[in-house]
Amino acid sequence: METSSVKARSPPPHAVILLTCILSIASAFNITRILNRSPDYGVFNDLLTRTGLATHINQHSTVTVLAMKNGQIGDLSSRPIDIAESILRTHVILDYFDIMKLHRLKIHQAKLTTMY
């Protein structure tokens, strides 16, 4: 776990990791560096870099990234980069969500703002 300005949650059993980063104006984070700590997210991390989304993610003050492990990302890395980017944008929520807050969401009523 990082300093108090960056919080990374443990992956739930179904292996989708929730990375919630809360930033102050004075501090910054690097999503690529955070994901580099676990090689299980290497493909997802590479796609964030190749699509340029990592840069956009790093510019937000509050963001939740729903990262997929290498074995779950399927053929996303073989798709055209613009298609991969569109899909990845749905995995970035522009708000703070921890595991408990996500569990309280009612799926049919959820209105999340993503990067899409």
PDB file of N, CA and C in Angstrom:
ATOM      1  N   MET A   1       0.845  -1.176   0.000  1.00  0.00           N
ATOM      2  CA  MET A   1       0.000   0.000   0.000  1.00  0.00           C
ATOM      3  C   MET A   1       0.887   1.234   0.000  1.00  0.00           C
ATOM      4  N   GLU A   2       0.479   2.224  -0.677  1.00  0.00           N
ATOM      5  CA  GLU A   2       1.217   3.475  -0.825  1.00  0.00           C
ATOM      6  C   GLU A   2       1.049   4.348   0.410  1.00  0.00           C
ATOM      7  N   THR A   3       1.441   5.586   0.258  1.00  0.00           N
ATOM      8  CA  THR A   3       1.216   6.576   1.298  1.00  0.00           C
ATOM      9  C   THR A   3      -0.280   6.820   1.404  1.00  0.00           C
ATOM     10  N   SER A   4      -0.681   7.690   2.281  1.00  0.00           N
ATOM     11  CA  SER A   4      -2.102   7.949   2.478  1.00  0.00           C
ATOM     12  C   SER A   4      -2.764   8.586   1.267  1.00  0.00           C
ATOM     13  N   SER A   5      -1.981   9.102   0.325  1.00  0.00           N
ATOM     14  CA  SER A   5      -2.584   9.742  -0.846  1.00  0.00           C
ATOM     15  C   SER A   5      -2.969   8.733  -1.925  1.00  0.00           C
ATOM     16  N   VAL A   6      -2.483   7.500  -1.835  1.00  0.00           N
ATOM     17  CA  VAL A   6      -2.836   6.488  -2.822  1.00  0.00           C
ATOM     18  C   VAL A   6      -3.224   5.229  -2.075  1.00  0.00           C
ATOM     19  N   LYS A   7      -4.390   4.694  -2.387  1.00  0.00           N
ATOM     20  CA  LYS A   7      -4.871   3.482  -1.753  1.00  0.00           C
ATOM     21  C   LYS A   7      -5.094   2.430  -2.822  1.00  0.00           C
ATOM     22  N   ALA A   8      -4.523   1.255  -2.637  1.00  0.00           N
ATOM     23  CA  ALA A   8      -4.755   0.150  -3.563  1.00  0.00           C
ATOM     24  C   ALA A   8      -5.411  -0.967  -2.771  1.00  0.00           C
ATOM     25  N   ARG A   9      -6.506  -1.467  -3.263  1.00  0.00           N
ATOM     26  CA  ARG A   9      -7.250  -2.520  -2.577  1.00  0.00           C
ATOM     27  C   ARG A   9      -6.825  -3.882  -3.106  1.00  0.00           C
ATOM     28  N   SER A  10      -6.954  -4.919  -2.255  1.00  0.00           N
ATOM     29  CA  SER A  10      -6.657  -6.278  -2.673  1.00  0.00           C
ATOM     30  C   SER A  10      -7.684  -6.744  -3.684  1.00  0.00           C
ATOM     31  N   PRO A  11      -7.265  -7.594  -4.624  1.00  0.00           N
ATOM     32  CA  PRO A  11      -8.214  -8.066  -5.619  1.00  0.00           C
ATOM     33  C   PRO A  11      -9.243  -8.993  -4.999  1.00  0.00           C
ATOM     34  N   PRO A  12     -10.499  -8.859  -5.410  1.00  0.00           N
ATOM     35  CA  PRO A  12     -11.501  -9.790  -4.942  1.00  0.00           C
ATOM     36  C   PRO A  12     -11.213 -11.176  -5.510  1.00  0.00           C
ATOM     37  N   PRO A  13     -11.868 -12.221  -5.002  1.00  0.00           N
ATOM     38  CA  PRO A  13     -11.577 -13.579  -5.440  1.00  0.00           C
ATOM     39  C   PRO A  13     -11.708 -13.773  -6.949  1.00  0.00           C
ATOM     40  N   HIS A  14     -12.568 -13.038  -7.613  1.00  0.00           N
ATOM     41  CA  HIS A  14     -12.746 -13.227  -9.049  1.00  0.00           C
ATOM     42  C   HIS A  14     -11.674 -12.509  -9.853  1.00  0.00           C
ATOM     43  N   ALA A  15     -10.650 -12.019  -9.216  1.00  0.00           N
ATOM     44  CA  ALA A  15      -9.411 -11.529  -9.815  1.00  0.00           C
ATOM     45  C   ALA A  15      -9.541 -10.239 -10.615  1.00  0.00           C
ATOM     46  N   VAL A  16     -10.507  -9.437 -10.335  1.00  0.00           N
ATOM     47  CA  VAL A  16     -10.527  -8.089 -10.896  1.00  0.00           C
ATOM     48  C   VAL A  16     -10.075  -7.172  -9.776  1.00  0.00           C
ATOM     49  N   ILE A  17      -9.043  -6.444 -10.032  1.00  0.00           N
ATOM     50  CA  ILE A  17      -8.490  -5.602  -8.975  1.00  0.00           C
ATOM     51  C   ILE A  17      -9.141  -4.227  -9.012  1.00  0.00           C
ATOM     52  N   LEU A  18      -9.346  -3.690  -7.872  1.00  0.00           N
ATOM     53  CA  LEU A  18      -9.889  -2.345  -7.736  1.00  0.00           C
ATOM     54  C   LEU A  18      -8.769  -1.467  -7.216  1.00  0.00           C
ATOM     55  N   LEU A  19      -8.357  -0.534  -8.040  1.00  0.00           N
ATOM     56  CA  LEU A  19      -7.338   0.414  -7.620  1.00  0.00           C
ATOM     57  C   LEU A  19      -7.998   1.757  -7.428  1.00  0.00           C
ATOM     58  N   THR A  20      -8.021   2.226  -6.221  1.00  0.00           N
ATOM     59  CA  THR A  20      -8.635   3.499  -5.938  1.00  0.00           C
ATOM     60  C   THR A  20      -7.552   4.455  -5.498  1.00  0.00           C
ATOM     61  N   CYS A  21      -7.452   5.512  -6.220  1.00  0.00           N
ATOM     62  CA  CYS A  21      -6.400   6.481  -5.939  1.00  0.00           C
ATOM     63  C   CYS A  21      -7.030   7.815  -5.598  1.00  0.00           C
ATOM     64  N   ILE A  22      -6.768   8.280  -4.408  1.00  0.00           N
ATOM     65  CA  ILE A  22      -7.242   9.582  -3.994  1.00  0.00           C
ATOM     66  C   ILE A  22      -6.018  10.478  -3.885  1.00  0.00           C
ATOM     67  N   LEU A  23      -6.081  11.579  -4.554  1.00  0.00           N
ATOM     68  CA  LEU A  23      -4.920  12.439  -4.636  1.00  0.00           C
ATOM     69  C   LEU A  23      -5.188  13.802  -4.038  1.00  0.00           C
ATOM     70  N   SER A  24      -4.166  14.369  -3.528  1.00  0.00           N
ATOM     71  CA  SER A  24      -4.246  15.776  -3.179  1.00  0.00           C
ATOM     72  C   SER A  24      -3.622  16.553  -4.332  1.00  0.00           C
ATOM     73  N   ILE A  25      -3.879  17.830  -4.388  1.00  0.00           N
ATOM     74  CA  ILE A  25      -3.333  18.647  -5.467  1.00  0.00           C
ATOM     75  C   ILE A  25      -1.807  18.623  -5.437  1.00  0.00           C
ATOM     76  N   ALA A  26      -1.235  18.524  -4.263  1.00  0.00           N
ATOM     77  CA  ALA A  26       0.216  18.571  -4.145  1.00  0.00           C
ATOM     78  C   ALA A  26       0.881  17.255  -4.525  1.00  0.00           C
ATOM     79  N   SER A  27       0.132  16.166  -4.556  1.00  0.00           N
ATOM     80  CA  SER A  27       0.754  14.886  -4.859  1.00  0.00           C
ATOM     81  C   SER A  27       0.233  14.347  -6.180  1.00  0.00           C
ATOM     82  N   ALA A  28       0.973  13.423  -6.721  1.00  0.00           N
ATOM     83  CA  ALA A  28       0.576  12.796  -7.976  1.00  0.00           C
ATOM     84  C   ALA A  28       0.821  11.302  -7.848  1.00  0.00           C
ATOM     85  N   PHE A  29       0.259  10.547  -8.775  1.00  0.00           N
ATOM     86  CA  PHE A  29       0.496   9.121  -8.794  1.00  0.00           C
ATOM     87  C   PHE A  29       0.727   8.701 -10.227  1.00  0.00           C
ATOM     88  N   ASN A  30       1.224   7.500 -10.374  1.00  0.00           N
ATOM     89  CA  ASN A  30       1.498   6.952 -11.679  1.00  0.00           C
ATOM     90  C   ASN A  30       0.862   5.569 -11.727  1.00  0.00           C
ATOM     91  N   ILE A  31      -0.216   5.417 -12.477  1.00  0.00           N
ATOM     92  CA  ILE A  31      -0.947   4.157 -12.529  1.00  0.00           C
ATOM     93  C   ILE A  31      -0.060   3.030 -13.041  1.00  0.00           C
ATOM     94  N   THR A  32       0.837   3.341 -13.957  1.00  0.00           N
ATOM     95  CA  THR A  32       1.743   2.330 -14.492  1.00  0.00           C
ATOM     96  C   THR A  32       2.658   1.800 -13.395  1.00  0.00           C
ATOM     97  N   ARG A  33       3.173   2.688 -12.578  1.00  0.00           N
ATOM     98  CA  ARG A  33       4.050   2.276 -11.476  1.00  0.00           C
ATOM     99  C   ARG A  33       3.279   1.426 -10.470  1.00  0.00           C
ATOM    100  N   ILE A  34       2.047   1.798 -10.188  1.00  0.00           N
ATOM    101  CA  ILE A  34       1.228   1.027  -9.243  1.00  0.00           C
ATOM    102  C   ILE A  34       0.984  -0.376  -9.781  1.00  0.00           C
ATOM    103  N   LEU A  35       0.598  -0.471 -11.049  1.00  0.00           N
ATOM    104  CA  LEU A  35       0.316  -1.780 -11.645  1.00  0.00           C
ATOM    105  C   LEU A  35       1.582  -2.616 -11.832  1.00  0.00           C
ATOM    106  N   ASN A  36       2.728  -1.976 -11.988  1.00  0.00           N
ATOM    107  CA  ASN A  36       3.994  -2.703 -12.151  1.00  0.00           C
ATOM    108  C   ASN A  36       4.335  -3.547 -10.931  1.00  0.00           C
ATOM    109  N   ARG A  37       3.757  -3.243  -9.797  1.00  0.00           N
ATOM    110  CA  ARG A  37       4.033  -4.008  -8.569  1.00  0.00           C
ATOM    111  C   ARG A  37       3.534  -5.442  -8.672  1.00  0.00           C
ATOM    112  N   SER A  38       2.601  -5.684  -9.575  1.00  0.00           N
ATOM    113  CA  SER A  38       2.066  -7.036  -9.737  1.00  0.00           C
ATOM    114  C   SER A  38       2.119  -7.438 -11.207  1.00  0.00           C
ATOM    115  N   PRO A  39       2.975  -8.393 -11.543  1.00  0.00           N
ATOM    116  CA  PRO A  39       3.087  -8.817 -12.936  1.00  0.00           C
ATOM    117  C   PRO A  39       1.794  -9.413 -13.482  1.00  0.00           C
ATOM    118  N   ASP A  40       0.874  -9.794 -12.616  1.00  0.00           N
ATOM    119  CA  ASP A  40      -0.415 -10.337 -13.056  1.00  0.00           C
ATOM    120  C   ASP A  40      -1.224  -9.329 -13.861  1.00  0.00           C
ATOM    121  N   TYR A  41      -0.888  -8.052 -13.778  1.00  0.00           N
ATOM    122  CA  TYR A  41      -1.616  -7.005 -14.487  1.00  0.00           C
ATOM    123  C   TYR A  41      -0.779  -6.372 -15.605  1.00  0.00           C
ATOM    124  N   GLY A  42       0.252  -7.087 -16.047  1.00  0.00           N
ATOM    125  CA  GLY A  42       1.163  -6.575 -17.061  1.00  0.00           C
ATOM    126  C   GLY A  42       0.499  -6.248 -18.385  1.00  0.00           C
ATOM    127  N   VAL A  43      -0.403  -7.102 -18.862  1.00  0.00           N
ATOM    128  CA  VAL A  43      -1.077  -6.857 -20.148  1.00  0.00           C
ATOM    129  C   VAL A  43      -1.976  -5.635 -20.033  1.00  0.00           C
ATOM    130  N   PHE A  44      -2.734  -5.544 -18.955  1.00  0.00           N
ATOM    131  CA  PHE A  44      -3.613  -4.393 -18.732  1.00  0.00           C
ATOM    132  C   PHE A  44      -2.777  -3.118 -18.668  1.00  0.00           C
ATOM    133  N   ASN A  45      -1.683  -3.177 -17.933  1.00  0.00           N
ATOM    134  CA  ASN A  45      -0.790  -2.030 -17.783  1.00  0.00           C
ATOM    135  C   ASN A  45      -0.204  -1.616 -19.130  1.00  0.00           C
ATOM    136  N   ASP A  46       0.228  -2.589 -19.916  1.00  0.00           N
ATOM    137  CA  ASP A  46       0.774  -2.306 -21.240  1.00  0.00           C
ATOM    138  C   ASP A  46      -0.267  -1.631 -22.131  1.00  0.00           C
ATOM    139  N   LEU A  47      -1.500  -2.108 -22.075  1.00  0.00           N
ATOM    140  CA  LEU A  47      -2.568  -1.508 -22.875  1.00  0.00           C
ATOM    141  C   LEU A  47      -2.859  -0.070 -22.438  1.00  0.00           C
ATOM    142  N   LEU A  48      -2.828   0.182 -21.138  1.00  0.00           N
ATOM    143  CA  LEU A  48      -3.025   1.557 -20.663  1.00  0.00           C
ATOM    144  C   LEU A  48      -1.954   2.481 -21.230  1.00  0.00           C
ATOM    145  N   THR A  49      -0.737   1.977 -21.292  1.00  0.00           N
ATOM    146  CA  THR A  49       0.368   2.781 -21.825  1.00  0.00           C
ATOM    147  C   THR A  49       0.232   2.965 -23.331  1.00  0.00           C
ATOM    148  N   ARG A  50      -0.006   1.867 -24.059  1.00  0.00           N
ATOM    149  CA  ARG A  50      -0.092   1.934 -25.525  1.00  0.00           C
ATOM    150  C   ARG A  50      -1.251   2.796 -26.010  1.00  0.00           C
ATOM    151  N   THR A  51      -2.352   2.803 -25.287  1.00  0.00           N
ATOM    152  CA  THR A  51      -3.501   3.617 -25.694  1.00  0.00           C
ATOM    153  C   THR A  51      -3.377   5.068 -25.238  1.00  0.00           C
ATOM    154  N   GLY A  52      -2.456   5.342 -24.343  1.00  0.00           N
ATOM    155  CA  GLY A  52      -2.311   6.695 -23.807  1.00  0.00           C
ATOM    156  C   GLY A  52      -3.219   6.971 -22.623  1.00  0.00           C
ATOM    157  N   LEU A  53      -4.015   5.988 -22.218  1.00  0.00           N
ATOM    158  CA  LEU A  53      -4.936   6.192 -21.095  1.00  0.00           C
ATOM    159  C   LEU A  53      -4.204   6.388 -19.770  1.00  0.00           C
ATOM    160  N   ALA A  54      -3.041   5.790 -19.628  1.00  0.00           N
ATOM    161  CA  ALA A  54      -2.292   5.955 -18.376  1.00  0.00           C
ATOM    162  C   ALA A  54      -2.044   7.431 -18.100  1.00  0.00           C
ATOM    163  N   THR A  55      -1.690   8.172 -19.126  1.00  0.00           N
ATOM    164  CA  THR A  55      -1.453   9.612 -18.967  1.00  0.00           C
ATOM    165  C   THR A  55      -2.720  10.323 -18.527  1.00  0.00           C
ATOM    166  N   HIS A  56      -3.844   9.983 -19.132  1.00  0.00           N
ATOM    167  CA  HIS A  56      -5.121  10.604 -18.768  1.00  0.00           C
ATOM    168  C   HIS A  56      -5.533  10.234 -17.346  1.00  0.00           C
ATOM    169  N   ILE A  57      -5.338   8.991 -16.974  1.00  0.00           N
ATOM    170  CA  ILE A  57      -5.670   8.543 -15.621  1.00  0.00           C
ATOM    171  C   ILE A  57      -4.852   9.329 -14.601  1.00  0.00           C
ATOM    172  N   ASN A  58      -3.575   9.498 -14.874  1.00  0.00           N
ATOM    173  CA  ASN A  58      -2.682  10.196 -13.947  1.00  0.00           C
ATOM    174  C   ASN A  58      -3.040  11.667 -13.769  1.00  0.00           C
ATOM    175  N   GLN A  59      -3.814  12.223 -14.663  1.00  0.00           N
ATOM    176  CA  GLN A  59      -4.187  13.636 -14.575  1.00  0.00           C
ATOM    177  C   GLN A  59      -5.411  13.880 -13.696  1.00  0.00           C
ATOM    178  N   HIS A  60      -6.101  12.830 -13.284  1.00  0.00           N
ATOM    179  CA  HIS A  60      -7.310  12.988 -12.469  1.00  0.00           C
ATOM    180  C   HIS A  60      -6.972  12.954 -10.984  1.00  0.00           C
ATOM    181  N   SER A  61      -7.720  13.719 -10.226  1.00  0.00           N
ATOM    182  CA  SER A  61      -7.468  13.768  -8.790  1.00  0.00           C
ATOM    183  C   SER A  61      -8.117  12.610  -8.041  1.00  0.00           C
ATOM    184  N   THR A  62      -9.195  12.064  -8.554  1.00  0.00           N
ATOM    185  CA  THR A  62      -9.853  10.912  -7.943  1.00  0.00           C
ATOM    186  C   THR A  62     -10.247   9.961  -9.056  1.00  0.00           C
ATOM    187  N   VAL A  63      -9.819   8.712  -8.933  1.00  0.00           N
ATOM    188  CA  VAL A  63     -10.095   7.742  -9.985  1.00  0.00           C
ATOM    189  C   VAL A  63     -10.108   6.333  -9.387  1.00  0.00           C
ATOM    190  N   THR A  64     -10.938   5.481  -9.938  1.00  0.00           N
ATOM    191  CA  THR A  64     -10.971   4.071  -9.572  1.00  0.00           C
ATOM    192  C   THR A  64     -10.741   3.278 -10.847  1.00  0.00           C
ATOM    193  N   VAL A  65      -9.748   2.418 -10.835  1.00  0.00           N
ATOM    194  CA  VAL A  65      -9.418   1.617 -12.009  1.00  0.00           C
ATOM    195  C   VAL A  65      -9.792   0.166 -11.719  1.00  0.00           C
ATOM    196  N   LEU A  66     -10.605  -0.398 -12.595  1.00  0.00           N
ATOM    197  CA  LEU A  66     -10.989  -1.802 -12.491  1.00  0.00           C
ATOM    198  C   LEU A  66     -10.085  -2.578 -13.449  1.00  0.00           C
ATOM    199  N   ALA A  67      -8.979  -3.060 -12.919  1.00  0.00           N
ATOM    200  CA  ALA A  67      -7.959  -3.712 -13.744  1.00  0.00           C
ATOM    201  C   ALA A  67      -8.221  -5.207 -13.840  1.00  0.00           C
ATOM    202  N   MET A  68      -7.891  -5.769 -14.985  1.00  0.00           N
ATOM    203  CA  MET A  68      -8.067  -7.210 -15.213  1.00  0.00           C
ATOM    204  C   MET A  68      -6.701  -7.892 -15.220  1.00  0.00           C
ATOM    205  N   LYS A  69      -6.680  -9.098 -14.656  1.00  0.00           N
ATOM    206  CA  LYS A  69      -5.462  -9.894 -14.676  1.00  0.00           C
ATOM    207  C   LYS A  69      -5.187 -10.377 -16.094  1.00  0.00           C
ATOM    208  N   ASN A  70      -3.940 -10.733 -16.345  1.00  0.00           N
ATOM    209  CA  ASN A  70      -3.508 -11.168 -17.671  1.00  0.00           C
ATOM    210  C   ASN A  70      -4.400 -12.256 -18.268  1.00  0.00           C
ATOM    211  N   GLY A  71      -4.754 -13.246 -17.493  1.00  0.00           N
ATOM    212  CA  GLY A  71      -5.553 -14.355 -17.991  1.00  0.00           C
ATOM    213  C   GLY A  71      -6.999 -14.001 -18.281  1.00  0.00           C
ATOM    214  N   GLN A  72      -7.455 -12.852 -17.808  1.00  0.00           N
ATOM    215  CA  GLN A  72      -8.845 -12.458 -17.999  1.00  0.00           C
ATOM    216  C   GLN A  72      -9.040 -11.421 -19.090  1.00  0.00           C
ATOM    217  N   ILE A  73      -7.986 -10.918 -19.626  1.00  0.00           N
ATOM    218  CA  ILE A  73      -8.101  -9.815 -20.572  1.00  0.00           C
ATOM    219  C   ILE A  73      -8.458 -10.305 -21.977  1.00  0.00           C
ATOM    220  N   GLY A  74      -8.368 -11.602 -22.193  1.00  0.00           N
ATOM    221  CA  GLY A  74      -8.783 -12.190 -23.469  1.00  0.00           C
ATOM    222  C   GLY A  74      -7.978 -11.664 -24.634  1.00  0.00           C
ATOM    223  N   ASP A  75      -8.664 -11.407 -25.738  1.00  0.00           N
ATOM    224  CA  ASP A  75      -7.987 -10.977 -26.963  1.00  0.00           C
ATOM    225  C   ASP A  75      -7.920  -9.457 -27.098  1.00  0.00           C
ATOM    226  N   LEU A  76      -8.133  -8.746 -26.013  1.00  0.00           N
ATOM    227  CA  LEU A  76      -8.156  -7.286 -26.070  1.00  0.00           C
ATOM    228  C   LEU A  76      -6.860  -6.714 -26.639  1.00  0.00           C
ATOM    229  N   SER A  77      -5.735  -7.319 -26.301  1.00  0.00           N
ATOM    230  CA  SER A  77      -4.458  -6.784 -26.780  1.00  0.00           C
ATOM    231  C   SER A  77      -4.249  -7.010 -28.274  1.00  0.00           C
ATOM    232  N   SER A  78      -5.022  -7.890 -28.889  1.00  0.00           N
ATOM    233  CA  SER A  78      -4.876  -8.120 -30.329  1.00  0.00           C
ATOM    234  C   SER A  78      -5.868  -7.292 -31.151  1.00  0.00           C
ATOM    235  N   ARG A  79      -6.725  -6.580 -30.489  1.00  0.00           N
ATOM    236  CA  ARG A  79      -7.700  -5.729 -31.193  1.00  0.00           C
ATOM    237  C   ARG A  79      -7.045  -4.424 -31.623  1.00  0.00           C
ATOM    238  N   PRO A  80      -7.648  -3.725 -32.587  1.00  0.00           N
ATOM    239  CA  PRO A  80      -7.118  -2.405 -32.959  1.00  0.00           C
ATOM    240  C   PRO A  80      -7.049  -1.505 -31.721  1.00  0.00           C
ATOM    241  N   ILE A  81      -6.033  -0.685 -31.676  1.00  0.00           N
ATOM    242  CA  ILE A  81      -5.756   0.128 -30.483  1.00  0.00           C
ATOM    243  C   ILE A  81      -6.924   1.032 -30.112  1.00  0.00           C
ATOM    244  N   ASP A  82      -7.670   1.558 -31.085  1.00  0.00           N
ATOM    245  CA  ASP A  82      -8.803   2.427 -30.766  1.00  0.00           C
ATOM    246  C   ASP A  82      -9.945   1.644 -30.118  1.00  0.00           C
ATOM    247  N   ILE A  83     -10.130   0.385 -30.520  1.00  0.00           N
ATOM    248  CA  ILE A  83     -11.153  -0.473 -29.904  1.00  0.00           C
ATOM    249  C   ILE A  83     -10.722  -0.819 -28.477  1.00  0.00           C
ATOM    250  N   ALA A  84      -9.459  -1.186 -28.304  1.00  0.00           N
ATOM    251  CA  ALA A  84      -8.946  -1.502 -26.968  1.00  0.00           C
ATOM    252  C   ALA A  84      -9.088  -0.304 -26.044  1.00  0.00           C
ATOM    253  N   GLU A  85      -8.799   0.879 -26.558  1.00  0.00           N
ATOM    254  CA  GLU A  85      -8.923   2.092 -25.752  1.00  0.00           C
ATOM    255  C   GLU A  85     -10.371   2.322 -25.313  1.00  0.00           C
ATOM    256  N   SER A  86     -11.307   2.153 -26.221  1.00  0.00           N
ATOM    257  CA  SER A  86     -12.727   2.338 -25.882  1.00  0.00           C
ATOM    258  C   SER A  86     -13.156   1.375 -24.784  1.00  0.00           C
ATOM    259  N   ILE A  87     -12.718   0.146 -24.874  1.00  0.00           N
ATOM    260  CA  ILE A  87     -13.070  -0.853 -23.861  1.00  0.00           C
ATOM    261  C   ILE A  87     -12.421  -0.512 -22.526  1.00  0.00           C
ATOM    262  N   LEU A  88     -11.143  -0.156 -22.560  1.00  0.00           N
ATOM    263  CA  LEU A  88     -10.436   0.182 -21.319  1.00  0.00           C
ATOM    264  C   LEU A  88     -11.021   1.406 -20.631  1.00  0.00           C
ATOM    265  N   ARG A  89     -11.530   2.356 -21.406  1.00  0.00           N
ATOM    266  CA  ARG A  89     -12.128   3.560 -20.813  1.00  0.00           C
ATOM    267  C   ARG A  89     -13.300   3.217 -19.888  1.00  0.00           C
ATOM    268  N   THR A  90     -13.981   2.111 -20.155  1.00  0.00           N
ATOM    269  CA  THR A  90     -15.101   1.707 -19.292  1.00  0.00           C
ATOM    270  C   THR A  90     -14.608   1.128 -17.966  1.00  0.00           C
ATOM    271  N   HIS A  91     -13.314   0.865 -17.852  1.00  0.00           N
ATOM    272  CA  HIS A  91     -12.730   0.324 -16.630  1.00  0.00           C
ATOM    273  C   HIS A  91     -12.172   1.412 -15.722  1.00  0.00           C
ATOM    274  N   VAL A  92     -12.375   2.669 -16.102  1.00  0.00           N
ATOM    275  CA  VAL A  92     -11.859   3.790 -15.310  1.00  0.00           C
ATOM    276  C   VAL A  92     -13.039   4.635 -14.851  1.00  0.00           C
ATOM    277  N   ILE A  93     -13.320   4.593 -13.562  1.00  0.00           N
ATOM    278  CA  ILE A  93     -14.415   5.353 -12.963  1.00  0.00           C
ATOM    279  C   ILE A  93     -13.833   6.648 -12.397  1.00  0.00           C
ATOM    280  N   LEU A  94     -14.425   7.749 -12.777  1.00  0.00           N
ATOM    281  CA  LEU A  94     -13.916   9.053 -12.355  1.00  0.00           C
ATOM    282  C   LEU A  94     -14.521   9.456 -11.011  1.00  0.00           C
ATOM    283  N   ASP A  95     -14.303   8.628 -10.019  1.00  0.00           N
ATOM    284  CA  ASP A  95     -14.788   8.854  -8.667  1.00  0.00           C
ATOM    285  C   ASP A  95     -14.088   7.848  -7.761  1.00  0.00           C
ATOM    286  N   TYR A  96     -14.249   8.043  -6.462  1.00  0.00           N
ATOM    287  CA  TYR A  96     -13.673   7.132  -5.484  1.00  0.00           C
ATOM    288  C   TYR A  96     -14.660   6.008  -5.186  1.00  0.00           C
ATOM    289  N   PHE A  97     -14.261   4.774  -5.410  1.00  0.00           N
ATOM    290  CA  PHE A  97     -15.060   3.609  -5.060  1.00  0.00           C
ATOM    291  C   PHE A  97     -14.157   2.585  -4.412  1.00  0.00           C
ATOM    292  N   ASP A  98     -14.476   2.239  -3.166  1.00  0.00           N
ATOM    293  CA  ASP A  98     -13.778   1.124  -2.554  1.00  0.00           C
ATOM    294  C   ASP A  98     -14.683  -0.101  -2.699  1.00  0.00           C
ATOM    295  N   ILE A  99     -14.233  -1.232  -2.231  1.00  0.00           N
ATOM    296  CA  ILE A  99     -14.985  -2.480  -2.381  1.00  0.00           C
ATOM    297  C   ILE A  99     -16.373  -2.362  -1.745  1.00  0.00           C
ATOM    298  N   MET A 100     -16.454  -1.787  -0.558  1.00  0.00           N
ATOM    299  CA  MET A 100     -17.750  -1.679   0.122  1.00  0.00           C
ATOM    300  C   MET A 100     -18.712  -0.799  -0.667  1.00  0.00           C
ATOM    301  N   LYS A 101     -18.232   0.310  -1.191  1.00  0.00           N
ATOM    302  CA  LYS A 101     -19.087   1.212  -1.958  1.00  0.00           C
ATOM    303  C   LYS A 101     -19.570   0.530  -3.243  1.00  0.00           C
ATOM    304  N   LEU A 102     -18.710  -0.244  -3.879  1.00  0.00           N
ATOM    305  CA  LEU A 102     -19.120  -0.980  -5.082  1.00  0.00           C
ATOM    306  C   LEU A 102     -20.191  -2.015  -4.763  1.00  0.00           C
ATOM    307  N   HIS A 103     -20.040  -2.698  -3.633  1.00  0.00           N
ATOM    308  CA  HIS A 103     -21.022  -3.710  -3.245  1.00  0.00           C
ATOM    309  C   HIS A 103     -22.389  -3.100  -2.921  1.00  0.00           C
ATOM    310  N   ARG A 104     -22.407  -1.853  -2.487  1.00  0.00           N
ATOM    311  CA  ARG A 104     -23.674  -1.197  -2.159  1.00  0.00           C
ATOM    312  C   ARG A 104     -24.412  -0.700  -3.401  1.00  0.00           C
ATOM    313  N   LEU A 105     -23.742  -0.655  -4.533  1.00  0.00           N
ATOM    314  CA  LEU A 105     -24.384  -0.188  -5.763  1.00  0.00           C
ATOM    315  C   LEU A 105     -25.494  -1.141  -6.192  1.00  0.00           C
ATOM    316  N   LYS A 106     -26.552  -0.581  -6.652  1.00  0.00           N
ATOM    317  CA  LYS A 106     -27.607  -1.373  -7.271  1.00  0.00           C
ATOM    318  C   LYS A 106     -27.343  -1.286  -8.770  1.00  0.00           C
ATOM    319  N   ILE A 107     -26.997  -2.412  -9.361  1.00  0.00           N
ATOM    320  CA  ILE A 107     -26.540  -2.447 -10.745  1.00  0.00           C
ATOM    321  C   ILE A 107     -27.505  -1.732 -11.684  1.00  0.00           C
ATOM    322  N   HIS A 108     -28.784  -1.964 -11.557  1.00  0.00           N
ATOM    323  CA  HIS A 108     -29.756  -1.364 -12.478  1.00  0.00           C
ATOM    324  C   HIS A 108     -29.934   0.129 -12.242  1.00  0.00           C
ATOM    325  N   GLN A 109     -29.441   0.647 -11.129  1.00  0.00           N
ATOM    326  CA  GLN A 109     -29.575   2.060 -10.816  1.00  0.00           C
ATOM    327  C   GLN A 109     -28.243   2.812 -10.875  1.00  0.00           C
ATOM    328  N   ALA A 110     -27.155   2.076 -11.076  1.00  0.00           N
ATOM    329  CA  ALA A 110     -25.828   2.683 -11.018  1.00  0.00           C
ATOM    330  C   ALA A 110     -25.617   3.651 -12.183  1.00  0.00           C
ATOM    331  N   LYS A 111     -25.136   4.820 -11.828  1.00  0.00           N
ATOM    332  CA  LYS A 111     -24.775   5.819 -12.824  1.00  0.00           C
ATOM    333  C   LYS A 111     -23.349   6.249 -12.520  1.00  0.00           C
ATOM    334  N   LEU A 112     -22.421   5.544 -13.139  1.00  0.00           N
ATOM    335  CA  LEU A 112     -21.022   5.810 -12.920  1.00  0.00           C
ATOM    336  C   LEU A 112     -20.462   6.617 -14.081  1.00  0.00           C
ATOM    337  N   THR A 113     -19.629   7.552 -13.763  1.00  0.00           N
ATOM    338  CA  THR A 113     -18.962   8.320 -14.804  1.00  0.00           C
ATOM    339  C   THR A 113     -17.614   7.657 -15.074  1.00  0.00           C
ATOM    340  N   THR A 114     -17.473   7.134 -16.279  1.00  0.00           N
ATOM    341  CA  THR A 114     -16.223   6.509 -16.676  1.00  0.00           C
ATOM    342  C   THR A 114     -15.493   7.419 -17.649  1.00  0.00           C
ATOM    343  N   MET A 115     -14.336   7.025 -18.092  1.00  0.00           N
ATOM    344  CA  MET A 115     -13.582   7.796 -19.071  1.00  0.00           C
ATOM    345  C   MET A 115     -14.139   7.616 -20.477  1.00  0.00           C
ATOM    346  N   TYR A 116     -15.157   6.763 -20.645  1.00  0.00           N
ATOM    347  CA  TYR A 116     -15.695   6.495 -21.974  1.00  0.00           C
ATOM    348  C   TYR A 116     -16.500   7.637 -22.509  1.00  0.00           C
TER     349      TYR A 116
END
